Amino acid sequence: MPGSVYRSKRDRLTAGITVEDSPRKYLMADGLQDRFDRALVISADTDLNEAVNLTKAEAAGKQIDLVAPPKRKGRNSVALFEVTVGRVRRSLLPHQLVLAGKTITRPTEYDPPAT
């Protein structure tokens, strides 16, 4: 889907990465190109706070909020709320799904932890 960004490696999200290769670039670009009305940025990383504030200022009318991952609200005081573990579990795609006749399998590293 245009404008969607999926990252699996933590090192690609660190503060030292340049804007040209980071979620900050996509947030700003998508906001300015009217690809969303509301964005929930799920991160406890305070390095994204300024990117969210700048995008809000530059992409007028867009609602953009930071949301903390489970058990991490204390790491970023501007997070609107904390996503619960239960909400994450209920939001996962199934292990396999068929789309346009093609079977897609969720990578094992995205499987929820065993309870």
N, C-alpha and C. Protein backbone atom coordinates (compact mmCIF):
# COMPACT_ATOMS: atom_id res chain seq x y z
N MET A 1 0.86 -1.18 0.00
CA MET A 1 0.00 0.00 0.00
C MET A 1 0.90 1.23 0.00
N PRO A 2 0.63 2.20 -0.87
CA PRO A 2 1.46 3.40 -0.90
C PRO A 2 1.45 4.11 0.45
N GLY A 3 2.61 4.54 0.84
CA GLY A 3 2.72 5.28 2.08
C GLY A 3 2.93 4.42 3.30
N SER A 4 2.79 3.10 3.17
CA SER A 4 2.98 2.23 4.32
C SER A 4 4.45 1.87 4.44
N VAL A 5 4.94 1.86 5.65
CA VAL A 5 6.34 1.54 5.90
C VAL A 5 6.39 0.46 6.96
N TYR A 6 7.09 -0.61 6.67
CA TYR A 6 7.24 -1.68 7.64
C TYR A 6 8.73 -1.89 7.87
N ARG A 7 9.14 -1.87 9.09
CA ARG A 7 10.54 -2.06 9.43
C ARG A 7 10.63 -3.20 10.44
N SER A 8 11.62 -4.04 10.26
CA SER A 8 11.79 -5.14 11.21
C SER A 8 13.07 -5.02 12.02
N LYS A 9 13.98 -4.19 11.64
CA LYS A 9 15.25 -4.07 12.33
C LYS A 9 15.29 -2.79 13.15
N ARG A 10 15.55 -2.92 14.42
CA ARG A 10 15.61 -1.76 15.32
C ARG A 10 16.65 -0.75 14.85
N ASP A 11 17.78 -1.21 14.31
CA ASP A 11 18.84 -0.29 13.93
C ASP A 11 18.43 0.67 12.83
N ARG A 12 17.40 0.37 12.07
CA ARG A 12 16.94 1.27 11.02
C ARG A 12 16.11 2.41 11.60
N LEU A 13 15.78 2.33 12.89
CA LEU A 13 14.95 3.35 13.51
C LEU A 13 15.72 4.24 14.48
N THR A 14 17.01 4.07 14.56
CA THR A 14 17.78 4.84 15.54
C THR A 14 17.92 6.29 15.14
N ALA A 15 18.23 7.12 16.12
CA ALA A 15 18.33 8.56 15.90
C ALA A 15 19.44 8.92 14.93
N GLY A 16 20.48 8.11 14.85
CA GLY A 16 21.60 8.43 13.99
C GLY A 16 21.32 8.26 12.51
N ILE A 17 20.23 7.63 12.16
CA ILE A 17 19.92 7.40 10.75
C ILE A 17 19.45 8.72 10.14
N THR A 18 19.76 8.95 8.90
CA THR A 18 19.38 10.21 8.26
C THR A 18 17.90 10.20 7.91
N VAL A 19 17.36 11.37 7.72
CA VAL A 19 15.94 11.49 7.37
C VAL A 19 15.64 10.78 6.06
N GLU A 20 16.61 10.72 5.15
CA GLU A 20 16.38 10.09 3.85
C GLU A 20 16.06 8.61 3.96
N ASP A 21 16.40 7.96 5.06
CA ASP A 21 16.18 6.53 5.21
C ASP A 21 15.49 6.22 6.53
N SER A 22 14.45 6.98 6.85
CA SER A 22 13.80 6.76 8.13
C SER A 22 12.30 6.94 8.02
N PRO A 23 11.57 6.44 9.04
CA PRO A 23 10.12 6.63 9.06
C PRO A 23 9.73 8.11 9.09
N ARG A 24 10.63 8.97 9.59
CA ARG A 24 10.33 10.40 9.62
C ARG A 24 10.07 10.94 8.23
N LYS A 25 10.86 10.50 7.27
CA LYS A 25 10.71 10.94 5.89
C LYS A 25 9.32 10.57 5.38
N TYR A 26 8.90 9.35 5.63
CA TYR A 26 7.62 8.88 5.11
C TYR A 26 6.44 9.56 5.80
N LEU A 27 6.55 9.80 7.08
CA LEU A 27 5.49 10.49 7.79
C LEU A 27 5.26 11.87 7.19
N MET A 28 6.33 12.61 7.01
CA MET A 28 6.23 13.95 6.44
C MET A 28 5.72 13.90 5.00
N ALA A 29 6.30 13.06 4.18
CA ALA A 29 5.90 12.96 2.77
C ALA A 29 4.43 12.55 2.65
N ASP A 30 4.02 11.55 3.41
CA ASP A 30 2.63 11.09 3.34
C ASP A 30 1.67 12.16 3.81
N GLY A 31 2.04 12.90 4.84
CA GLY A 31 1.19 13.98 5.32
C GLY A 31 1.04 15.08 4.28
N LEU A 32 2.15 15.48 3.68
CA LEU A 32 2.11 16.55 2.69
C LEU A 32 1.41 16.13 1.40
N GLN A 33 1.43 14.84 1.08
CA GLN A 33 0.78 14.35 -0.13
C GLN A 33 -0.64 13.84 0.14
N ASP A 34 -1.17 14.16 1.31
CA ASP A 34 -2.56 13.84 1.68
C ASP A 34 -2.88 12.35 1.58
N ARG A 35 -1.95 11.50 2.05
CA ARG A 35 -2.15 10.06 2.01
C ARG A 35 -2.83 9.51 3.26
N PHE A 36 -3.05 10.37 4.24
CA PHE A 36 -3.77 9.94 5.44
C PHE A 36 -4.46 11.14 6.06
N ASP A 37 -5.48 10.85 6.87
CA ASP A 37 -6.15 11.88 7.66
C ASP A 37 -5.66 11.83 9.10
N ARG A 38 -5.43 10.60 9.59
CA ARG A 38 -4.95 10.42 10.95
C ARG A 38 -3.85 9.37 10.96
N ALA A 39 -2.80 9.65 11.69
CA ALA A 39 -1.70 8.69 11.84
C ALA A 39 -1.45 8.44 13.32
N LEU A 40 -1.29 7.19 13.66
CA LEU A 40 -0.87 6.79 14.99
C LEU A 40 0.53 6.23 14.84
N VAL A 41 1.51 6.92 15.39
CA VAL A 41 2.89 6.49 15.32
C VAL A 41 3.17 5.69 16.59
N ILE A 42 3.37 4.40 16.45
CA ILE A 42 3.56 3.53 17.61
C ILE A 42 5.05 3.43 17.88
N SER A 43 5.49 4.12 18.92
CA SER A 43 6.91 4.13 19.26
C SER A 43 7.09 4.74 20.65
N ALA A 44 8.07 4.25 21.37
CA ALA A 44 8.46 4.86 22.64
C ALA A 44 9.70 5.73 22.43
N ASP A 45 10.15 5.82 21.19
CA ASP A 45 11.37 6.54 20.84
C ASP A 45 11.10 8.05 20.81
N THR A 46 11.69 8.78 21.72
CA THR A 46 11.46 10.23 21.79
C THR A 46 12.07 10.96 20.60
N ASP A 47 12.94 10.30 19.85
CA ASP A 47 13.52 10.93 18.65
C ASP A 47 12.46 11.23 17.60
N LEU A 48 11.33 10.56 17.67
CA LEU A 48 10.27 10.80 16.69
C LEU A 48 9.37 11.97 17.08
N ASN A 49 9.46 12.46 18.30
CA ASN A 49 8.58 13.54 18.76
C ASN A 49 8.66 14.76 17.85
N GLU A 50 9.88 15.18 17.53
CA GLU A 50 10.04 16.38 16.72
C GLU A 50 9.53 16.17 15.30
N ALA A 51 9.72 14.98 14.75
CA ALA A 51 9.19 14.69 13.40
C ALA A 51 7.67 14.75 13.40
N VAL A 52 7.06 14.25 14.45
CA VAL A 52 5.60 14.32 14.56
C VAL A 52 5.15 15.77 14.67
N ASN A 53 5.81 16.55 15.52
CA ASN A 53 5.44 17.96 15.67
C ASN A 53 5.63 18.74 14.37
N LEU A 54 6.72 18.51 13.68
CA LEU A 54 6.98 19.20 12.42
C LEU A 54 5.96 18.82 11.36
N THR A 55 5.63 17.54 11.27
CA THR A 55 4.64 17.10 10.29
C THR A 55 3.28 17.68 10.60
N LYS A 56 2.92 17.74 11.88
CA LYS A 56 1.64 18.38 12.26
C LYS A 56 1.61 19.83 11.80
N ALA A 57 2.72 20.53 11.96
CA ALA A 57 2.78 21.95 11.58
C ALA A 57 2.75 22.14 10.07
N GLU A 58 3.44 21.28 9.34
CA GLU A 58 3.55 21.44 7.89
C GLU A 58 2.37 20.85 7.13
N ALA A 59 1.78 19.79 7.63
CA ALA A 59 0.66 19.12 6.96
C ALA A 59 -0.62 19.50 7.70
N ALA A 60 -1.05 20.70 7.48
CA ALA A 60 -2.20 21.24 8.21
C ALA A 60 -3.43 20.33 8.10
N GLY A 61 -4.10 20.18 9.22
CA GLY A 61 -5.33 19.40 9.25
C GLY A 61 -5.14 17.92 9.52
N LYS A 62 -3.91 17.46 9.57
CA LYS A 62 -3.65 16.05 9.84
C LYS A 62 -3.59 15.81 11.35
N GLN A 63 -4.22 14.75 11.79
CA GLN A 63 -4.16 14.38 13.20
C GLN A 63 -3.10 13.30 13.33
N ILE A 64 -2.05 13.61 14.05
CA ILE A 64 -0.93 12.68 14.23
C ILE A 64 -0.65 12.56 15.72
N ASP A 65 -0.68 11.34 16.21
CA ASP A 65 -0.43 11.10 17.63
C ASP A 65 0.61 10.01 17.81
N LEU A 66 1.41 10.17 18.84
CA LEU A 66 2.33 9.12 19.26
C LEU A 66 1.61 8.20 20.22
N VAL A 67 1.79 6.92 20.04
CA VAL A 67 1.18 5.90 20.89
C VAL A 67 2.30 4.98 21.36
N ALA A 68 2.34 4.69 22.63
CA ALA A 68 3.41 3.84 23.19
C ALA A 68 3.11 2.37 22.99
N PRO A 69 4.13 1.58 22.69
CA PRO A 69 3.97 0.12 22.66
C PRO A 69 3.67 -0.40 24.06
N PRO A 70 3.24 -1.64 24.18
CA PRO A 70 2.93 -2.19 25.51
C PRO A 70 4.06 -1.99 26.51
N LYS A 71 3.69 -1.54 27.68
CA LYS A 71 4.58 -1.37 28.84
C LYS A 71 5.72 -0.38 28.59
N ARG A 72 5.51 0.61 27.70
CA ARG A 72 6.58 1.56 27.42
C ARG A 72 6.14 3.02 27.47
N LYS A 73 4.97 3.30 28.00
CA LYS A 73 4.48 4.68 28.05
C LYS A 73 5.42 5.58 28.84
N GLY A 74 6.04 5.05 29.88
CA GLY A 74 6.94 5.83 30.70
C GLY A 74 8.17 6.34 29.96
N ARG A 75 8.47 5.76 28.82
CA ARG A 75 9.66 6.18 28.06
C ARG A 75 9.42 7.42 27.21
N ASN A 76 8.16 7.74 26.94
CA ASN A 76 7.86 8.92 26.14
C ASN A 76 6.60 9.58 26.70
N SER A 77 6.79 10.65 27.43
CA SER A 77 5.67 11.29 28.14
C SER A 77 4.64 11.92 27.21
N VAL A 78 4.97 12.14 25.94
CA VAL A 78 3.99 12.75 25.04
C VAL A 78 3.09 11.71 24.36
N ALA A 79 3.34 10.42 24.61
CA ALA A 79 2.49 9.38 24.02
C ALA A 79 1.05 9.57 24.49
N LEU A 80 0.13 9.51 23.55
CA LEU A 80 -1.29 9.71 23.85
C LEU A 80 -1.82 8.62 24.77
N PHE A 81 -1.46 7.38 24.48
CA PHE A 81 -1.86 6.25 25.31
C PHE A 81 -0.92 5.09 25.02
N GLU A 82 -1.09 4.02 25.76
CA GLU A 82 -0.29 2.81 25.57
C GLU A 82 -1.14 1.73 24.94
N VAL A 83 -0.64 1.11 23.90
CA VAL A 83 -1.33 -0.01 23.28
C VAL A 83 -1.14 -1.22 24.19
N THR A 84 -2.20 -1.90 24.50
CA THR A 84 -2.10 -3.05 25.39
C THR A 84 -1.66 -4.30 24.61
N VAL A 85 -1.11 -5.26 25.33
CA VAL A 85 -0.70 -6.51 24.71
C VAL A 85 -1.91 -7.19 24.06
N GLY A 86 -3.04 -7.15 24.73
CA GLY A 86 -4.26 -7.75 24.17
C GLY A 86 -4.67 -7.11 22.86
N ARG A 87 -4.53 -5.80 22.76
CA ARG A 87 -4.88 -5.10 21.52
C ARG A 87 -3.94 -5.50 20.39
N VAL A 88 -2.66 -5.65 20.72
CA VAL A 88 -1.69 -6.09 19.71
C VAL A 88 -2.05 -7.49 19.23
N ARG A 89 -2.35 -8.38 20.15
CA ARG A 89 -2.72 -9.76 19.77
C ARG A 89 -3.95 -9.77 18.86
N ARG A 90 -4.95 -8.96 19.19
CA ARG A 90 -6.18 -8.94 18.39
C ARG A 90 -5.98 -8.27 17.04
N SER A 91 -4.90 -7.53 16.87
CA SER A 91 -4.65 -6.80 15.63
C SER A 91 -3.76 -7.55 14.65
N LEU A 92 -3.18 -8.66 15.08
CA LEU A 92 -2.28 -9.40 14.20
C LEU A 92 -3.03 -10.03 13.03
N LEU A 93 -2.38 -10.04 11.90
CA LEU A 93 -2.91 -10.79 10.76
C LEU A 93 -2.80 -12.27 11.08
N PRO A 94 -3.61 -13.11 10.43
CA PRO A 94 -3.49 -14.55 10.68
C PRO A 94 -2.12 -15.06 10.23
N HIS A 95 -1.78 -16.26 10.70
CA HIS A 95 -0.49 -16.84 10.34
C HIS A 95 -0.36 -16.95 8.81
N GLN A 96 -1.43 -17.36 8.16
CA GLN A 96 -1.45 -17.42 6.70
C GLN A 96 -2.74 -16.81 6.19
N LEU A 97 -2.65 -16.17 5.02
CA LEU A 97 -3.85 -15.71 4.36
C LEU A 97 -3.63 -15.82 2.86
N VAL A 98 -4.74 -15.88 2.13
CA VAL A 98 -4.68 -15.99 0.68
C VAL A 98 -5.21 -14.69 0.10
N LEU A 99 -4.39 -14.09 -0.76
CA LEU A 99 -4.73 -12.82 -1.39
C LEU A 99 -4.48 -12.95 -2.88
N ALA A 100 -5.51 -12.76 -3.67
CA ALA A 100 -5.41 -12.87 -5.12
C ALA A 100 -4.80 -14.21 -5.53
N GLY A 101 -5.21 -15.27 -4.84
CA GLY A 101 -4.73 -16.61 -5.15
C GLY A 101 -3.33 -16.93 -4.66
N LYS A 102 -2.71 -16.02 -3.96
CA LYS A 102 -1.35 -16.24 -3.45
C LYS A 102 -1.40 -16.39 -1.93
N THR A 103 -0.75 -17.41 -1.40
CA THR A 103 -0.69 -17.62 0.05
C THR A 103 0.45 -16.80 0.63
N ILE A 104 0.11 -16.02 1.63
CA ILE A 104 1.09 -15.17 2.31
C ILE A 104 1.21 -15.67 3.74
N THR A 105 2.45 -15.90 4.18
CA THR A 105 2.70 -16.41 5.53
C THR A 105 3.41 -15.34 6.35
N ARG A 106 2.88 -15.10 7.54
CA ARG A 106 3.49 -14.13 8.45
C ARG A 106 4.84 -14.68 8.92
N PRO A 107 5.89 -13.85 8.88
CA PRO A 107 7.20 -14.32 9.36
C PRO A 107 7.13 -14.72 10.83
N THR A 108 7.86 -15.75 11.21
CA THR A 108 7.83 -16.24 12.58
C THR A 108 8.26 -15.19 13.59
N GLU A 109 9.14 -14.26 13.22
CA GLU A 109 9.56 -13.25 14.17
C GLU A 109 8.43 -12.30 14.54
N TYR A 110 7.33 -12.32 13.78
CA TYR A 110 6.16 -11.49 14.11
C TYR A 110 5.10 -12.27 14.88
N ASP A 111 5.33 -13.55 15.14
CA ASP A 111 4.38 -14.33 15.92
C ASP A 111 4.35 -13.77 17.35
N PRO A 112 3.16 -13.77 17.97
CA PRO A 112 3.09 -13.30 19.36
C PRO A 112 3.79 -14.28 20.28
N PRO A 113 4.28 -13.80 21.40
CA PRO A 113 4.92 -14.72 22.36
C PRO A 113 3.91 -15.70 22.91
N ALA A 114 4.38 -16.89 23.22
CA ALA A 114 3.51 -17.90 23.81
C ALA A 114 3.09 -17.45 25.20
N THR A 115 1.84 -17.73 25.54
CA THR A 115 1.36 -17.34 26.86
C THR A 115 1.31 -18.50 27.81
